[in-house]
Amino acid sequence: MTTSLLMAKITRFIGIRKSLLQTAPPSSAQRRETRQPNLEKLFVQITACPDPDMTGITLSCNTRETSAGGLRIVAGTCVPIGSRLDLWVNISARPTKYFVTGEVRWVSPADGDDYDMGIELDASAATDIDAWREFHT
């Protein structure tokens, strides 16, 4: 009985993880804005997540691309689609960090144990979104 219960939980967990991954990022034709490739350090805090155990976790990540409306980041942890994030992005060409918020829109396996994630930024009042957008125009 215990073994079958454990197997059911493992199977459910694997199914949830697979359903949270989209196999490929959107193509260039699907994007609303031009993305600029770059490699910058950022910190991400998960503020809301389909997996409640991940809410409140802070991750150190890197950007791969940025645009006025979003980022493509790489992380060693798979953050589920639909998760809400607070992001502190360091752009080396600027003297300050940007604080922005957004939502994970897609996740794709990357090299090794890493994951690429597409983050759509939103216009929250208490963030640096206006300065972020100005920097990207």
Protein backbone atom coordinates (compact mmCIF):
# COMPACT_ATOMS: atom_id res chain seq x y z
CA MET A 1 0.00 0.00 0.00
CA THR A 2 2.78 2.45 0.90
CA THR A 3 4.71 1.72 -2.31
CA SER A 4 1.68 2.35 -4.52
CA LEU A 5 0.93 5.61 -2.70
CA LEU A 6 4.52 6.77 -3.21
CA MET A 7 4.42 5.79 -6.89
CA ALA A 8 1.15 7.71 -7.35
CA LYS A 9 2.72 10.83 -5.80
CA ILE A 10 5.84 10.54 -7.96
CA THR A 11 3.74 10.07 -11.10
CA ARG A 12 1.59 13.08 -10.20
CA PHE A 13 4.70 15.22 -9.54
CA ILE A 14 6.27 14.26 -12.88
CA GLY A 15 2.98 15.03 -14.67
CA ILE A 16 2.75 18.46 -13.03
CA ARG A 17 6.37 19.29 -13.93
CA LYS A 18 5.86 18.25 -17.56
CA SER A 19 2.67 20.30 -17.85
CA LEU A 20 4.52 23.38 -16.56
CA LEU A 21 7.14 23.20 -19.32
CA GLN A 22 6.53 24.60 -22.76
CA THR A 23 9.04 22.92 -25.06
CA ALA A 24 10.20 25.99 -27.00
CA PRO A 25 10.31 29.75 -26.61
CA PRO A 26 8.16 31.86 -28.92
CA SER A 27 9.58 32.52 -32.36
CA SER A 28 10.73 35.99 -33.40
CA ALA A 29 7.50 36.40 -35.37
CA GLN A 30 5.47 35.97 -32.17
CA ARG A 31 7.33 38.67 -30.24
CA ARG A 32 5.96 42.19 -29.94
CA GLU A 33 9.35 43.82 -29.40
CA THR A 34 12.94 43.42 -30.53
CA ARG A 35 15.10 41.75 -27.94
CA GLN A 36 18.68 42.73 -27.23
CA PRO A 37 21.05 39.88 -26.41
CA ASN A 38 23.04 40.43 -23.22
CA LEU A 39 24.43 38.62 -20.22
CA GLU A 40 23.62 40.41 -16.98
CA LYS A 41 23.19 39.22 -13.40
CA LEU A 42 19.77 39.44 -11.78
CA PHE A 43 17.98 38.25 -8.68
CA VAL A 44 14.47 36.86 -8.89
CA GLN A 45 12.05 36.42 -6.01
CA ILE A 46 9.02 34.20 -6.61
CA THR A 47 6.04 36.07 -5.16
CA ALA A 48 3.27 33.72 -6.33
CA CYS A 49 3.55 30.26 -7.83
CA PRO A 50 1.41 27.26 -8.83
CA ASP A 51 3.80 25.28 -6.58
CA PRO A 52 3.24 26.91 -3.15
CA ASP A 53 6.55 25.50 -1.84
CA MET A 54 8.40 27.79 -4.26
CA THR A 55 6.69 31.03 -3.17
CA GLY A 56 9.22 33.27 -1.42
CA ILE A 57 12.32 31.66 -2.94
CA THR A 58 15.01 34.03 -4.27
CA LEU A 59 17.20 32.87 -7.18
CA SER A 60 20.38 34.23 -8.72
CA CYS A 61 20.02 34.13 -12.52
CA ASN A 62 21.39 35.65 -15.72
CA THR A 63 19.66 37.41 -18.57
CA ARG A 64 20.05 36.13 -22.12
CA GLU A 65 17.94 38.82 -23.80
CA THR A 66 16.03 41.89 -22.68
CA SER A 67 13.40 44.12 -24.26
CA ALA A 68 11.09 46.91 -23.17
CA GLY A 69 8.41 44.37 -22.26
CA GLY A 70 10.29 41.30 -21.11
CA LEU A 71 13.36 39.22 -20.48
CA ARG A 72 14.70 35.83 -21.37
CA ILE A 73 16.58 34.49 -18.37
CA VAL A 74 18.47 31.32 -17.51
CA ALA A 75 18.27 29.71 -14.07
CA GLY A 76 19.22 26.46 -12.40
CA THR A 77 15.68 26.05 -11.07
CA CYS A 78 12.55 25.45 -13.12
CA VAL A 79 10.03 28.15 -12.20
CA PRO A 80 6.53 27.13 -13.33
CA ILE A 81 4.61 29.01 -16.02
CA GLY A 82 2.24 31.52 -14.45
CA SER A 83 4.56 32.32 -11.53
CA ARG A 84 4.73 35.97 -10.49
CA LEU A 85 8.22 37.39 -9.98
CA ASP A 86 10.01 40.40 -8.54
CA LEU A 87 13.25 40.99 -10.47
CA TRP A 88 16.31 43.10 -9.63
CA VAL A 89 18.29 43.45 -12.86
CA ASN A 90 21.80 44.86 -13.03
CA ILE A 91 22.57 46.41 -16.43
CA SER A 92 26.33 47.03 -16.59
CA ALA A 93 25.84 50.02 -18.92
CA ARG A 94 23.83 51.74 -16.15
CA PRO A 95 24.90 52.68 -12.62
CA THR A 96 21.73 51.38 -10.93
CA LYS A 97 19.70 48.19 -10.72
CA TYR A 98 16.18 48.04 -12.13
CA PHE A 99 13.36 46.65 -10.00
CA VAL A 100 10.59 45.23 -12.21
CA THR A 101 7.81 42.65 -11.84
CA GLY A 102 6.49 40.09 -14.27
CA GLU A 103 5.09 36.66 -15.02
CA VAL A 104 6.73 33.51 -16.37
CA ARG A 105 5.17 32.96 -19.81
CA TRP A 106 7.24 29.99 -21.06
CA VAL A 107 9.94 27.62 -19.79
CA SER A 108 12.31 25.48 -21.82
CA PRO A 109 15.19 23.18 -20.82
CA ALA A 110 18.60 24.76 -21.51
CA ASP A 111 22.17 23.47 -21.30
CA GLY A 112 22.92 21.09 -18.45
CA ASP A 113 20.44 21.39 -15.60
CA ASP A 114 19.45 24.98 -16.47
CA TYR A 115 16.14 26.36 -17.75
CA ASP A 116 15.44 29.26 -20.10
CA MET A 117 12.39 31.28 -19.11
CA GLY A 118 10.45 34.04 -20.81
CA ILE A 119 9.28 36.76 -18.44
CA GLU A 120 6.61 39.26 -19.48
CA LEU A 121 6.97 42.48 -17.50
CA ASP A 122 4.00 44.44 -16.23
CA ALA A 123 3.46 48.09 -15.41
CA SER A 124 3.37 48.06 -11.62
CA ALA A 125 3.35 51.48 -9.98
CA ALA A 126 6.13 50.86 -7.44
CA THR A 127 8.71 49.58 -9.96
CA ASP A 128 11.30 50.98 -12.37
CA ILE A 129 9.29 49.90 -15.44
CA ASP A 130 9.27 53.40 -17.00
CA ALA A 131 13.06 53.72 -16.72
CA TRP A 132 13.43 50.14 -17.98
CA ARG A 133 11.31 50.86 -21.05
CA GLU A 134 13.15 54.13 -21.71
CA PHE A 135 16.47 52.27 -21.58
CA HIS A 136 15.20 49.81 -24.21
CA THR A 137 13.89 52.38 -26.70
